[in-house]
Amino acid sequence: MDRHAGHRAQVLDGSLADDDFPGDPQALVTSAAATLLFIRVDDPKTVKNRVHLDLQPQDRTRDEEVERLLALGATLQGNHRRPDGTGWVTLHDPEGNEFCVERSAGERAKG
């Protein structure tokens, strides 16, 4: 769990809880925006995600956040950006779980 939890902490600009250690079956990731508990499941993924995260950047644009996440190991699954600036980007984390990146609140306010 430690490798994947560490990746998720980086994605969320957060950190792992002080009492999470390598090999633990769960990891608590805290950030300014959210606290998420990740629990290891030994069964491989065989169906579409039952939980889907949409991330909205707080201090970056959507495109800056997508570039940052790709550099952290995410892979591009779908580009749903439109010429007018609306839309989102769908990515896969290193385990193949799908998540999306929306426009930031600042981008939405601009129209």
PDB file of N, CA and C in Angstrom:
ATOM      1  N   MET A   1       0.826  -1.194   0.000  1.00  0.00           N
ATOM      2  CA  MET A   1       0.000   0.000   0.000  1.00  0.00           C
ATOM      3  C   MET A   1       0.868   1.256   0.000  1.00  0.00           C
ATOM      4  N   ASP A   2       2.060   1.172   0.542  1.00  0.00           N
ATOM      5  CA  ASP A   2       2.874   2.371   0.733  1.00  0.00           C
ATOM      6  C   ASP A   2       3.224   3.073  -0.575  1.00  0.00           C
ATOM      7  N   ARG A   3       3.566   2.338  -1.621  1.00  0.00           N
ATOM      8  CA  ARG A   3       3.934   2.970  -2.891  1.00  0.00           C
ATOM      9  C   ARG A   3       2.738   3.711  -3.489  1.00  0.00           C
ATOM     10  N   HIS A   4       1.589   3.058  -3.496  1.00  0.00           N
ATOM     11  CA  HIS A   4       0.400   3.666  -4.088  1.00  0.00           C
ATOM     12  C   HIS A   4      -0.140   4.790  -3.208  1.00  0.00           C
ATOM     13  N   ALA A   5      -0.110   4.607  -1.905  1.00  0.00           N
ATOM     14  CA  ALA A   5      -0.574   5.664  -1.005  1.00  0.00           C
ATOM     15  C   ALA A   5       0.325   6.886  -1.117  1.00  0.00           C
ATOM     16  N   GLY A   6       1.616   6.669  -1.262  1.00  0.00           N
ATOM     17  CA  GLY A   6       2.537   7.787  -1.449  1.00  0.00           C
ATOM     18  C   GLY A   6       2.225   8.543  -2.725  1.00  0.00           C
ATOM     19  N   HIS A   7       1.892   7.814  -3.784  1.00  0.00           N
ATOM     20  CA  HIS A   7       1.514   8.455  -5.051  1.00  0.00           C
ATOM     21  C   HIS A   7       0.251   9.280  -4.859  1.00  0.00           C
ATOM     22  N   ARG A   8      -0.726   8.727  -4.176  1.00  0.00           N
ATOM     23  CA  ARG A   8      -1.976   9.459  -3.963  1.00  0.00           C
ATOM     24  C   ARG A   8      -1.752  10.704  -3.112  1.00  0.00           C
ATOM     25  N   ALA A   9      -0.867  10.609  -2.147  1.00  0.00           N
ATOM     26  CA  ALA A   9      -0.545  11.786  -1.336  1.00  0.00           C
ATOM     27  C   ALA A   9       0.063  12.880  -2.213  1.00  0.00           C
ATOM     28  N   GLN A  10       0.938  12.508  -3.138  1.00  0.00           N
ATOM     29  CA  GLN A  10       1.524  13.495  -4.049  1.00  0.00           C
ATOM     30  C   GLN A  10       0.458  14.106  -4.953  1.00  0.00           C
ATOM     31  N   VAL A  11      -0.441  13.285  -5.465  1.00  0.00           N
ATOM     32  CA  VAL A  11      -1.507  13.768  -6.341  1.00  0.00           C
ATOM     33  C   VAL A  11      -2.349  14.819  -5.622  1.00  0.00           C
ATOM     34  N   LEU A  12      -2.638  14.583  -4.347  1.00  0.00           N
ATOM     35  CA  LEU A  12      -3.490  15.485  -3.579  1.00  0.00           C
ATOM     36  C   LEU A  12      -2.713  16.597  -2.890  1.00  0.00           C
ATOM     37  N   ASP A  13      -1.410  16.709  -3.163  1.00  0.00           N
ATOM     38  CA  ASP A  13      -0.562  17.680  -2.464  1.00  0.00           C
ATOM     39  C   ASP A  13      -0.709  17.515  -0.959  1.00  0.00           C
ATOM     40  N   GLY A  14      -0.757  16.274  -0.513  1.00  0.00           N
ATOM     41  CA  GLY A  14      -0.962  15.983   0.897  1.00  0.00           C
ATOM     42  C   GLY A  14       0.154  15.150   1.470  1.00  0.00           C
ATOM     43  N   SER A  15      -0.165  14.454   2.551  1.00  0.00           N
ATOM     44  CA  SER A  15       0.827  13.608   3.204  1.00  0.00           C
ATOM     45  C   SER A  15       0.140  12.398   3.823  1.00  0.00           C
ATOM     46  N   LEU A  16       0.951  11.373   4.072  1.00  0.00           N
ATOM     47  CA  LEU A  16       0.459  10.180   4.756  1.00  0.00           C
ATOM     48  C   LEU A  16       0.393  10.452   6.250  1.00  0.00           C
ATOM     49  N   ALA A  17      -0.528   9.789   6.926  1.00  0.00           N
ATOM     50  CA  ALA A  17      -0.621   9.908   8.377  1.00  0.00           C
ATOM     51  C   ALA A  17       0.667   9.393   9.016  1.00  0.00           C
ATOM     52  N   ASP A  18       1.021   9.968  10.154  1.00  0.00           N
ATOM     53  CA  ASP A  18       2.261   9.605  10.843  1.00  0.00           C
ATOM     54  C   ASP A  18       2.316   8.138  11.247  1.00  0.00           C
ATOM     55  N   ASP A  19       1.159   7.508  11.460  1.00  0.00           N
ATOM     56  CA  ASP A  19       1.159   6.109  11.903  1.00  0.00           C
ATOM     57  C   ASP A  19       0.973   5.116  10.757  1.00  0.00           C
ATOM     58  N   ASP A  20       1.114   5.560   9.512  1.00  0.00           N
ATOM     59  CA  ASP A  20       1.076   4.653   8.361  1.00  0.00           C
ATOM     60  C   ASP A  20       2.492   4.223   8.012  1.00  0.00           C
ATOM     61  N   PHE A  21       2.677   2.919   7.875  1.00  0.00           N
ATOM     62  CA  PHE A  21       4.003   2.359   7.621  1.00  0.00           C
ATOM     63  C   PHE A  21       3.963   1.459   6.387  1.00  0.00           C
ATOM     64  N   PRO A  22       5.100   1.262   5.718  1.00  0.00           N
ATOM     65  CA  PRO A  22       5.142   0.365   4.562  1.00  0.00           C
ATOM     66  C   PRO A  22       4.544  -0.999   4.893  1.00  0.00           C
ATOM     67  N   GLY A  23       3.700  -1.480   4.012  1.00  0.00           N
ATOM     68  CA  GLY A  23       3.073  -2.779   4.199  1.00  0.00           C
ATOM     69  C   GLY A  23       1.735  -2.730   4.912  1.00  0.00           C
ATOM     70  N   ASP A  24       1.370  -1.594   5.480  1.00  0.00           N
ATOM     71  CA  ASP A  24       0.070  -1.479   6.135  1.00  0.00           C
ATOM     72  C   ASP A  24      -1.043  -1.724   5.116  1.00  0.00           C
ATOM     73  N   PRO A  25      -2.146  -2.344   5.540  1.00  0.00           N
ATOM     74  CA  PRO A  25      -3.239  -2.603   4.603  1.00  0.00           C
ATOM     75  C   PRO A  25      -4.089  -1.371   4.297  1.00  0.00           C
ATOM     76  N   GLN A  26      -3.835  -0.282   5.000  1.00  0.00           N
ATOM     77  CA  GLN A  26      -4.576   0.946   4.740  1.00  0.00           C
ATOM     78  C   GLN A  26      -3.666   2.147   4.926  1.00  0.00           C
ATOM     79  N   ALA A  27      -4.063   3.253   4.336  1.00  0.00           N
ATOM     80  CA  ALA A  27      -3.276   4.478   4.454  1.00  0.00           C
ATOM     81  C   ALA A  27      -4.221   5.672   4.451  1.00  0.00           C
ATOM     82  N   LEU A  28      -3.973   6.590   5.370  1.00  0.00           N
ATOM     83  CA  LEU A  28      -4.753   7.813   5.467  1.00  0.00           C
ATOM     84  C   LEU A  28      -3.957   8.942   4.833  1.00  0.00           C
ATOM     85  N   VAL A  29      -4.546   9.579   3.825  1.00  0.00           N
ATOM     86  CA  VAL A  29      -3.904  10.698   3.132  1.00  0.00           C
ATOM     87  C   VAL A  29      -4.667  11.964   3.500  1.00  0.00           C
ATOM     88  N   THR A  30      -3.940  12.950   4.018  1.00  0.00           N
ATOM     89  CA  THR A  30      -4.570  14.217   4.373  1.00  0.00           C
ATOM     90  C   THR A  30      -4.002  15.332   3.512  1.00  0.00           C
ATOM     91  N   SER A  31      -4.872  16.253   3.145  1.00  0.00           N
ATOM     92  CA  SER A  31      -4.466  17.437   2.388  1.00  0.00           C
ATOM     93  C   SER A  31      -5.355  18.591   2.823  1.00  0.00           C
ATOM     94  N   ALA A  32      -5.064  19.776   2.333  1.00  0.00           N
ATOM     95  CA  ALA A  32      -5.882  20.936   2.674  1.00  0.00           C
ATOM     96  C   ALA A  32      -7.313  20.773   2.173  1.00  0.00           C
ATOM     97  N   ALA A  33      -7.491  20.047   1.079  1.00  0.00           N
ATOM     98  CA  ALA A  33      -8.808  19.920   0.465  1.00  0.00           C
ATOM     99  C   ALA A  33      -9.621  18.739   0.982  1.00  0.00           C
ATOM    100  N   ALA A  34      -8.955  17.660   1.404  1.00  0.00           N
ATOM    101  CA  ALA A  34      -9.694  16.452   1.771  1.00  0.00           C
ATOM    102  C   ALA A  34      -8.819  15.506   2.577  1.00  0.00           C
ATOM    103  N   THR A  35      -9.481  14.600   3.276  1.00  0.00           N
ATOM    104  CA  THR A  35      -8.813  13.482   3.924  1.00  0.00           C
ATOM    105  C   THR A  35      -9.440  12.219   3.358  1.00  0.00           C
ATOM    106  N   LEU A  36      -8.604  11.342   2.808  1.00  0.00           N
ATOM    107  CA  LEU A  36      -9.095  10.117   2.188  1.00  0.00           C
ATOM    108  C   LEU A  36      -8.403   8.917   2.805  1.00  0.00           C
ATOM    109  N   LEU A  37      -9.176   7.865   3.082  1.00  0.00           N
ATOM    110  CA  LEU A  37      -8.631   6.609   3.586  1.00  0.00           C
ATOM    111  C   LEU A  37      -8.631   5.608   2.439  1.00  0.00           C
ATOM    112  N   PHE A  38      -7.459   5.061   2.133  1.00  0.00           N
ATOM    113  CA  PHE A  38      -7.314   4.049   1.090  1.00  0.00           C
ATOM    114  C   PHE A  38      -7.073   2.705   1.758  1.00  0.00           C
ATOM    115  N   ILE A  39      -7.835   1.693   1.349  1.00  0.00           N
ATOM    116  CA  ILE A  39      -7.722   0.353   1.924  1.00  0.00           C
ATOM    117  C   ILE A  39      -7.361  -0.617   0.813  1.00  0.00           C
ATOM    118  N   ARG A  40      -6.303  -1.401   1.053  1.00  0.00           N
ATOM    119  CA  ARG A  40      -5.868  -2.375   0.051  1.00  0.00           C
ATOM    120  C   ARG A  40      -6.919  -3.470  -0.105  1.00  0.00           C
ATOM    121  N   VAL A  41      -7.194  -3.821  -1.344  1.00  0.00           N
ATOM    122  CA  VAL A  41      -8.074  -4.928  -1.687  1.00  0.00           C
ATOM    123  C   VAL A  41      -7.233  -5.887  -2.511  1.00  0.00           C
ATOM    124  N   ASP A  42      -7.172  -7.137  -2.098  1.00  0.00           N
ATOM    125  CA  ASP A  42      -6.301  -8.098  -2.769  1.00  0.00           C
ATOM    126  C   ASP A  42      -6.829  -8.569  -4.119  1.00  0.00           C
ATOM    127  N   ASP A  43      -8.132  -8.435  -4.350  1.00  0.00           N
ATOM    128  CA  ASP A  43      -8.704  -8.864  -5.622  1.00  0.00           C
ATOM    129  C   ASP A  43      -8.313  -7.889  -6.722  1.00  0.00           C
ATOM    130  N   PRO A  44      -7.939  -8.388  -7.905  1.00  0.00           N
ATOM    131  CA  PRO A  44      -7.610  -7.480  -9.010  1.00  0.00           C
ATOM    132  C   PRO A  44      -8.868  -6.775  -9.516  1.00  0.00           C
ATOM    133  N   LYS A  45      -8.679  -5.632 -10.127  1.00  0.00           N
ATOM    134  CA  LYS A  45      -9.797  -4.884 -10.701  1.00  0.00           C
ATOM    135  C   LYS A  45     -10.314  -5.645 -11.915  1.00  0.00           C
ATOM    136  N   THR A  46     -11.622  -5.919 -11.944  1.00  0.00           N
ATOM    137  CA  THR A  46     -12.214  -6.650 -13.067  1.00  0.00           C
ATOM    138  C   THR A  46     -13.374  -5.894 -13.703  1.00  0.00           C
ATOM    139  N   VAL A  47     -13.863  -4.853 -13.025  1.00  0.00           N
ATOM    140  CA  VAL A  47     -14.982  -4.067 -13.550  1.00  0.00           C
ATOM    141  C   VAL A  47     -14.665  -2.582 -13.407  1.00  0.00           C
ATOM    142  N   LYS A  48     -15.526  -1.761 -13.976  1.00  0.00           N
ATOM    143  CA  LYS A  48     -15.368  -0.312 -13.870  1.00  0.00           C
ATOM    144  C   LYS A  48     -15.346   0.102 -12.396  1.00  0.00           C
ATOM    145  N   ASN A  49     -14.624   1.174 -12.102  1.00  0.00           N
ATOM    146  CA  ASN A  49     -14.545   1.676 -10.729  1.00  0.00           C
ATOM    147  C   ASN A  49     -15.936   1.906 -10.147  1.00  0.00           C
ATOM    148  N   ARG A  50     -16.101   1.549  -8.876  1.00  0.00           N
ATOM    149  CA  ARG A  50     -17.348   1.860  -8.190  1.00  0.00           C
ATOM    150  C   ARG A  50     -17.291   3.263  -7.596  1.00  0.00           C
ATOM    151  N   VAL A  51     -16.083   3.763  -7.382  1.00  0.00           N
ATOM    152  CA  VAL A  51     -15.880   5.126  -6.900  1.00  0.00           C
ATOM    153  C   VAL A  51     -15.008   5.838  -7.918  1.00  0.00           C
ATOM    154  N   HIS A  52     -15.376   7.059  -8.241  1.00  0.00           N
ATOM    155  CA  HIS A  52     -14.643   7.819  -9.244  1.00  0.00           C
ATOM    156  C   HIS A  52     -14.364   9.200  -8.669  1.00  0.00           C
ATOM    157  N   LEU A  53     -13.104   9.600  -8.646  1.00  0.00           N
ATOM    158  CA  LEU A  53     -12.731  10.913  -8.137  1.00  0.00           C
ATOM    159  C   LEU A  53     -12.615  11.909  -9.279  1.00  0.00           C
ATOM    160  N   ASP A  54     -13.161  13.087  -9.065  1.00  0.00           N
ATOM    161  CA  ASP A  54     -12.933  14.230  -9.944  1.00  0.00           C
ATOM    162  C   ASP A  54     -12.136  15.237  -9.130  1.00  0.00           C
ATOM    163  N   LEU A  55     -10.989  15.625  -9.632  1.00  0.00           N
ATOM    164  CA  LEU A  55     -10.134  16.574  -8.928  1.00  0.00           C
ATOM    165  C   LEU A  55     -10.305  17.958  -9.539  1.00  0.00           C
ATOM    166  N   GLN A  56     -10.403  18.955  -8.678  1.00  0.00           N
ATOM    167  CA  GLN A  56     -10.470  20.347  -9.119  1.00  0.00           C
ATOM    168  C   GLN A  56      -9.263  21.061  -8.521  1.00  0.00           C
ATOM    169  N   PRO A  57      -8.298  21.455  -9.338  1.00  0.00           N
ATOM    170  CA  PRO A  57      -7.088  22.101  -8.822  1.00  0.00           C
ATOM    171  C   PRO A  57      -7.423  23.359  -8.020  1.00  0.00           C
ATOM    172  N   GLN A  58      -6.647  23.583  -6.954  1.00  0.00           N
ATOM    173  CA  GLN A  58      -6.858  24.756  -6.111  1.00  0.00           C
ATOM    174  C   GLN A  58      -5.954  25.915  -6.497  1.00  0.00           C
ATOM    175  N   ASP A  59      -4.722  25.617  -6.866  1.00  0.00           N
ATOM    176  CA  ASP A  59      -3.752  26.685  -7.133  1.00  0.00           C
ATOM    177  C   ASP A  59      -3.056  26.529  -8.481  1.00  0.00           C
ATOM    178  N   ARG A  60      -3.677  25.777  -9.379  1.00  0.00           N
ATOM    179  CA  ARG A  60      -3.152  25.563 -10.729  1.00  0.00           C
ATOM    180  C   ARG A  60      -4.322  25.540 -11.699  1.00  0.00           C
ATOM    181  N   THR A  61      -4.021  25.683 -12.965  1.00  0.00           N
ATOM    182  CA  THR A  61      -5.054  25.474 -13.975  1.00  0.00           C
ATOM    183  C   THR A  61      -5.243  23.973 -14.180  1.00  0.00           C
ATOM    184  N   ARG A  62      -6.319  23.627 -14.849  1.00  0.00           N
ATOM    185  CA  ARG A  62      -6.560  22.218 -15.177  1.00  0.00           C
ATOM    186  C   ARG A  62      -5.387  21.647 -15.959  1.00  0.00           C
ATOM    187  N   ASP A  63      -4.915  22.376 -16.965  1.00  0.00           N
ATOM    188  CA  ASP A  63      -3.848  21.859 -17.814  1.00  0.00           C
ATOM    189  C   ASP A  63      -2.529  21.729 -17.054  1.00  0.00           C
ATOM    190  N   GLU A  64      -2.241  22.667 -16.153  1.00  0.00           N
ATOM    191  CA  GLU A  64      -1.033  22.551 -15.320  1.00  0.00           C
ATOM    192  C   GLU A  64      -1.129  21.333 -14.412  1.00  0.00           C
ATOM    193  N   GLU A  65      -2.325  21.084 -13.870  1.00  0.00           N
ATOM    194  CA  GLU A  65      -2.514  19.930 -12.989  1.00  0.00           C
ATOM    195  C   GLU A  65      -2.369  18.628 -13.768  1.00  0.00           C
ATOM    196  N   VAL A  66      -2.912  18.569 -14.968  1.00  0.00           N
ATOM    197  CA  VAL A  66      -2.773  17.367 -15.797  1.00  0.00           C
ATOM    198  C   VAL A  66      -1.296  17.085 -16.059  1.00  0.00           C
ATOM    199  N   GLU A  67      -0.532  18.085 -16.421  1.00  0.00           N
ATOM    200  CA  GLU A  67       0.908  17.895 -16.671  1.00  0.00           C
ATOM    201  C   GLU A  67       1.623  17.405 -15.417  1.00  0.00           C
ATOM    202  N   ARG A  68       1.264  17.959 -14.256  1.00  0.00           N
ATOM    203  CA  ARG A  68       1.881  17.536 -12.991  1.00  0.00           C
ATOM    204  C   ARG A  68       1.564  16.071 -12.704  1.00  0.00           C
ATOM    205  N   LEU A  69       0.316  15.675 -12.918  1.00  0.00           N
ATOM    206  CA  LEU A  69      -0.093  14.297 -12.645  1.00  0.00           C
ATOM    207  C   LEU A  69       0.540  13.314 -13.622  1.00  0.00           C
ATOM    208  N   LEU A  70       0.672  13.694 -14.882  1.00  0.00           N
ATOM    209  CA  LEU A  70       1.370  12.835 -15.845  1.00  0.00           C
ATOM    210  C   LEU A  70       2.819  12.633 -15.414  1.00  0.00           C
ATOM    211  N   ALA A  71       3.456  13.673 -14.909  1.00  0.00           N
ATOM    212  CA  ALA A  71       4.841  13.561 -14.434  1.00  0.00           C
ATOM    213  C   ALA A  71       4.943  12.666 -13.205  1.00  0.00           C
ATOM    214  N   LEU A  72       3.848  12.544 -12.434  1.00  0.00           N
ATOM    215  CA  LEU A  72       3.830  11.677 -11.255  1.00  0.00           C
ATOM    216  C   LEU A  72       3.506  10.226 -11.602  1.00  0.00           C
ATOM    217  N   GLY A  73       3.222   9.934 -12.872  1.00  0.00           N
ATOM    218  CA  GLY A  73       2.986   8.551 -13.276  1.00  0.00           C
ATOM    219  C   GLY A  73       1.594   8.239 -13.780  1.00  0.00           C
ATOM    220  N   ALA A  74       0.703   9.214 -13.804  1.00  0.00           N
ATOM    221  CA  ALA A  74      -0.625   8.979 -14.374  1.00  0.00           C
ATOM    222  C   ALA A  74      -0.499   8.825 -15.889  1.00  0.00           C
ATOM    223  N   THR A  75      -1.500   8.196 -16.491  1.00  0.00           N
ATOM    224  CA  THR A  75      -1.530   8.070 -17.947  1.00  0.00           C
ATOM    225  C   THR A  75      -2.836   8.661 -18.472  1.00  0.00           C
ATOM    226  N   LEU A  76      -2.766   9.243 -19.648  1.00  0.00           N
ATOM    227  CA  LEU A  76      -3.930   9.873 -20.269  1.00  0.00           C
ATOM    228  C   LEU A  76      -4.876   8.798 -20.781  1.00  0.00           C
ATOM    229  N   GLN A  77      -6.145   8.889 -20.398  1.00  0.00           N
ATOM    230  CA  GLN A  77      -7.161   7.956 -20.866  1.00  0.00           C
ATOM    231  C   GLN A  77      -8.097   8.641 -21.852  1.00  0.00           C
ATOM    232  N   GLY A  78      -8.462   9.903 -21.572  1.00  0.00           N
ATOM    233  CA  GLY A  78      -9.374  10.607 -22.461  1.00  0.00           C
ATOM    234  C   GLY A  78      -9.255  12.110 -22.313  1.00  0.00           C
ATOM    235  N   ASN A  79      -9.210  12.795 -23.433  1.00  0.00           N
ATOM    236  CA  ASN A  79      -9.115  14.246 -23.436  1.00  0.00           C
ATOM    237  C   ASN A  79     -10.475  14.807 -23.841  1.00  0.00           C
ATOM    238  N   HIS A  80     -11.187  15.386 -22.889  1.00  0.00           N
ATOM    239  CA  HIS A  80     -12.530  15.913 -23.128  1.00  0.00           C
ATOM    240  C   HIS A  80     -12.539  17.441 -23.045  1.00  0.00           C
ATOM    241  N   ARG A  81     -11.374  18.054 -23.301  1.00  0.00           N
ATOM    242  CA  ARG A  81     -11.278  19.516 -23.317  1.00  0.00           C
ATOM    243  C   ARG A  81     -11.885  20.027 -24.615  1.00  0.00           C
ATOM    244  N   ARG A  82     -12.589  21.130 -24.508  1.00  0.00           N
ATOM    245  CA  ARG A  82     -13.252  21.727 -25.674  1.00  0.00           C
ATOM    246  C   ARG A  82     -12.541  23.015 -26.077  1.00  0.00           C
ATOM    247  N   PRO A  83     -12.708  23.444 -27.317  1.00  0.00           N
ATOM    248  CA  PRO A  83     -12.037  24.667 -27.780  1.00  0.00           C
ATOM    249  C   PRO A  83     -12.350  25.906 -26.937  1.00  0.00           C
ATOM    250  N   ASP A  84     -13.543  25.951 -26.311  1.00  0.00           N
ATOM    251  CA  ASP A  84     -13.896  27.123 -25.503  1.00  0.00           C
ATOM    252  C   ASP A  84     -13.304  27.080 -24.093  1.00  0.00           C
ATOM    253  N   GLY A  85     -12.511  26.029 -23.791  1.00  0.00           N
ATOM    254  CA  GLY A  85     -11.857  25.927 -22.489  1.00  0.00           C
ATOM    255  C   GLY A  85     -12.587  25.071 -21.480  1.00  0.00           C
ATOM    256  N   THR A  86     -13.830  24.709 -21.756  1.00  0.00           N
ATOM    257  CA  THR A  86     -14.564  23.843 -20.839  1.00  0.00           C
ATOM    258  C   THR A  86     -14.090  22.402 -21.013  1.00  0.00           C
ATOM    259  N   GLY A  87     -14.661  21.497 -20.231  1.00  0.00           N
ATOM    260  CA  GLY A  87     -14.328  20.081 -20.357  1.00  0.00           C
ATOM    261  C   GLY A  87     -13.386  19.599 -19.278  1.00  0.00           C
ATOM    262  N   TRP A  88     -12.954  18.366 -19.412  1.00  0.00           N
ATOM    263  CA  TRP A  88     -12.139  17.710 -18.405  1.00  0.00           C
ATOM    264  C   TRP A  88     -11.178  16.751 -19.075  1.00  0.00           C
ATOM    265  N   VAL A  89     -10.274  16.190 -18.270  1.00  0.00           N
ATOM    266  CA  VAL A  89      -9.311  15.196 -18.746  1.00  0.00           C
ATOM    267  C   VAL A  89      -9.447  13.965 -17.863  1.00  0.00           C
ATOM    268  N   THR A  90      -9.524  12.794 -18.466  1.00  0.00           N
ATOM    269  CA  THR A  90      -9.602  11.537 -17.728  1.00  0.00           C
ATOM    270  C   THR A  90      -8.228  10.876 -17.744  1.00  0.00           C
ATOM    271  N   LEU A  91      -7.773  10.482 -16.559  1.00  0.00           N
ATOM    272  CA  LEU A  91      -6.466   9.849 -16.386  1.00  0.00           C
ATOM    273  C   LEU A  91      -6.623   8.511 -15.684  1.00  0.00           C
ATOM    274  N   HIS A  92      -5.581   7.700 -15.738  1.00  0.00           N
ATOM    275  CA  HIS A  92      -5.473   6.476 -14.947  1.00  0.00           C
ATOM    276  C   HIS A  92      -4.301   6.632 -14.002  1.00  0.00           C
ATOM    277  N   ASP A  93      -4.491   6.215 -12.743  1.00  0.00           N
ATOM    278  CA  ASP A  93      -3.362   6.204 -11.817  1.00  0.00           C
ATOM    279  C   ASP A  93      -2.493   4.987 -12.133  1.00  0.00           C
ATOM    280  N   PRO A  94      -1.345   4.819 -11.468  1.00  0.00           N
ATOM    281  CA  PRO A  94      -0.458   3.688 -11.794  1.00  0.00           C
ATOM    282  C   PRO A  94      -1.104   2.312 -11.644  1.00  0.00           C
ATOM    283  N   GLU A  95      -2.195   2.202 -10.857  1.00  0.00           N
ATOM    284  CA  GLU A  95      -2.899   0.926 -10.701  1.00  0.00           C
ATOM    285  C   GLU A  95      -3.991   0.739 -11.743  1.00  0.00           C
ATOM    286  N   GLY A  96      -4.223   1.752 -12.584  1.00  0.00           N
ATOM    287  CA  GLY A  96      -5.252   1.663 -13.608  1.00  0.00           C
ATOM    288  C   GLY A  96      -6.597   2.235 -13.208  1.00  0.00           C
ATOM    289  N   ASN A  97      -6.690   2.826 -12.009  1.00  0.00           N
ATOM    290  CA  ASN A  97      -7.943   3.433 -11.573  1.00  0.00           C
ATOM    291  C   ASN A  97      -8.159   4.759 -12.295  1.00  0.00           C
ATOM    292  N   GLU A  98      -9.383   4.983 -12.696  1.00  0.00           N
ATOM    293  CA  GLU A  98      -9.721   6.167 -13.480  1.00  0.00           C
ATOM    294  C   GLU A  98     -10.086   7.337 -12.570  1.00  0.00           C
ATOM    295  N   PHE A  99      -9.658   8.536 -12.957  1.00  0.00           N
ATOM    296  CA  PHE A  99     -10.082   9.762 -12.284  1.00  0.00           C
ATOM    297  C   PHE A  99     -10.014  10.900 -13.285  1.00  0.00           C
ATOM    298  N   CYS A 100     -10.692  11.993 -12.975  1.00  0.00           N
ATOM    299  CA  CYS A 100     -10.756  13.128 -13.899  1.00  0.00           C
ATOM    300  C   CYS A 100     -10.211  14.389 -13.255  1.00  0.00           C
ATOM    301  N   VAL A 101      -9.768  15.300 -14.092  1.00  0.00           N
ATOM    302  CA  VAL A 101      -9.324  16.621 -13.651  1.00  0.00           C
ATOM    303  C   VAL A 101     -10.213  17.652 -14.332  1.00  0.00           C
ATOM    304  N   GLU A 102     -10.898  18.441 -13.507  1.00  0.00           N
ATOM    305  CA  GLU A 102     -11.773  19.497 -13.997  1.00  0.00           C
ATOM    306  C   GLU A 102     -11.020  20.821 -14.045  1.00  0.00           C
ATOM    307  N   ARG A 103     -11.692  21.850 -14.541  1.00  0.00           N
ATOM    308  CA  ARG A 103     -11.125  23.195 -14.482  1.00  0.00           C
ATOM    309  C   ARG A 103     -11.115  23.671 -13.034  1.00  0.00           C
ATOM    310  N   SER A 104     -10.182  24.551 -12.720  1.00  0.00           N
ATOM    311  CA  SER A 104     -10.121  25.129 -11.378  1.00  0.00           C
ATOM    312  C   SER A 104     -11.282  26.102 -11.182  1.00  0.00           C
ATOM    313  N   ALA A 105     -11.527  26.487  -9.929  1.00  0.00           N
ATOM    314  CA  ALA A 105     -12.584  27.459  -9.641  1.00  0.00           C
ATOM    315  C   ALA A 105     -12.299  28.777 -10.355  1.00  0.00           C
ATOM    316  N   GLY A 106     -11.031  29.175 -10.404  1.00  0.00           N
ATOM    317  CA  GLY A 106     -10.659  30.402 -11.103  1.00  0.00           C
ATOM    318  C   GLY A 106     -10.975  30.339 -12.588  1.00  0.00           C
ATOM    319  N   GLU A 107     -10.705  29.191 -13.194  1.00  0.00           N
ATOM    320  CA  GLU A 107     -11.019  29.027 -14.622  1.00  0.00           C
ATOM    321  C   GLU A 107     -12.526  29.053 -14.855  1.00  0.00           C
ATOM    322  N   ARG A 108     -13.283  28.442 -13.942  1.00  0.00           N
ATOM    323  CA  ARG A 108     -14.744  28.429 -14.077  1.00  0.00           C
ATOM    324  C   ARG A 108     -15.312  29.843 -13.938  1.00  0.00           C
ATOM    325  N   ALA A 109     -14.748  30.629 -13.036  1.00  0.00           N
ATOM    326  CA  ALA A 109     -15.237  31.992 -12.811  1.00  0.00           C
ATOM    327  C   ALA A 109     -15.024  32.881 -14.035  1.00  0.00           C
ATOM    328  N   LYS A 110     -13.977  32.582 -14.791  1.00  0.00           N
ATOM    329  CA  LYS A 110     -13.689  33.374 -15.994  1.00  0.00           C
ATOM    330  C   LYS A 110     -14.644  33.066 -17.141  1.00  0.00           C
ATOM    331  N   GLY A 111     -15.351  31.933 -16.994  1.00  0.00           N
ATOM    332  CA  GLY A 111     -16.310  31.603 -18.057  1.00  0.00           C
ATOM    333  C   GLY A 111     -15.973  30.440 -18.787  1.00  0.00           C
TER     334      GLY A 111
END
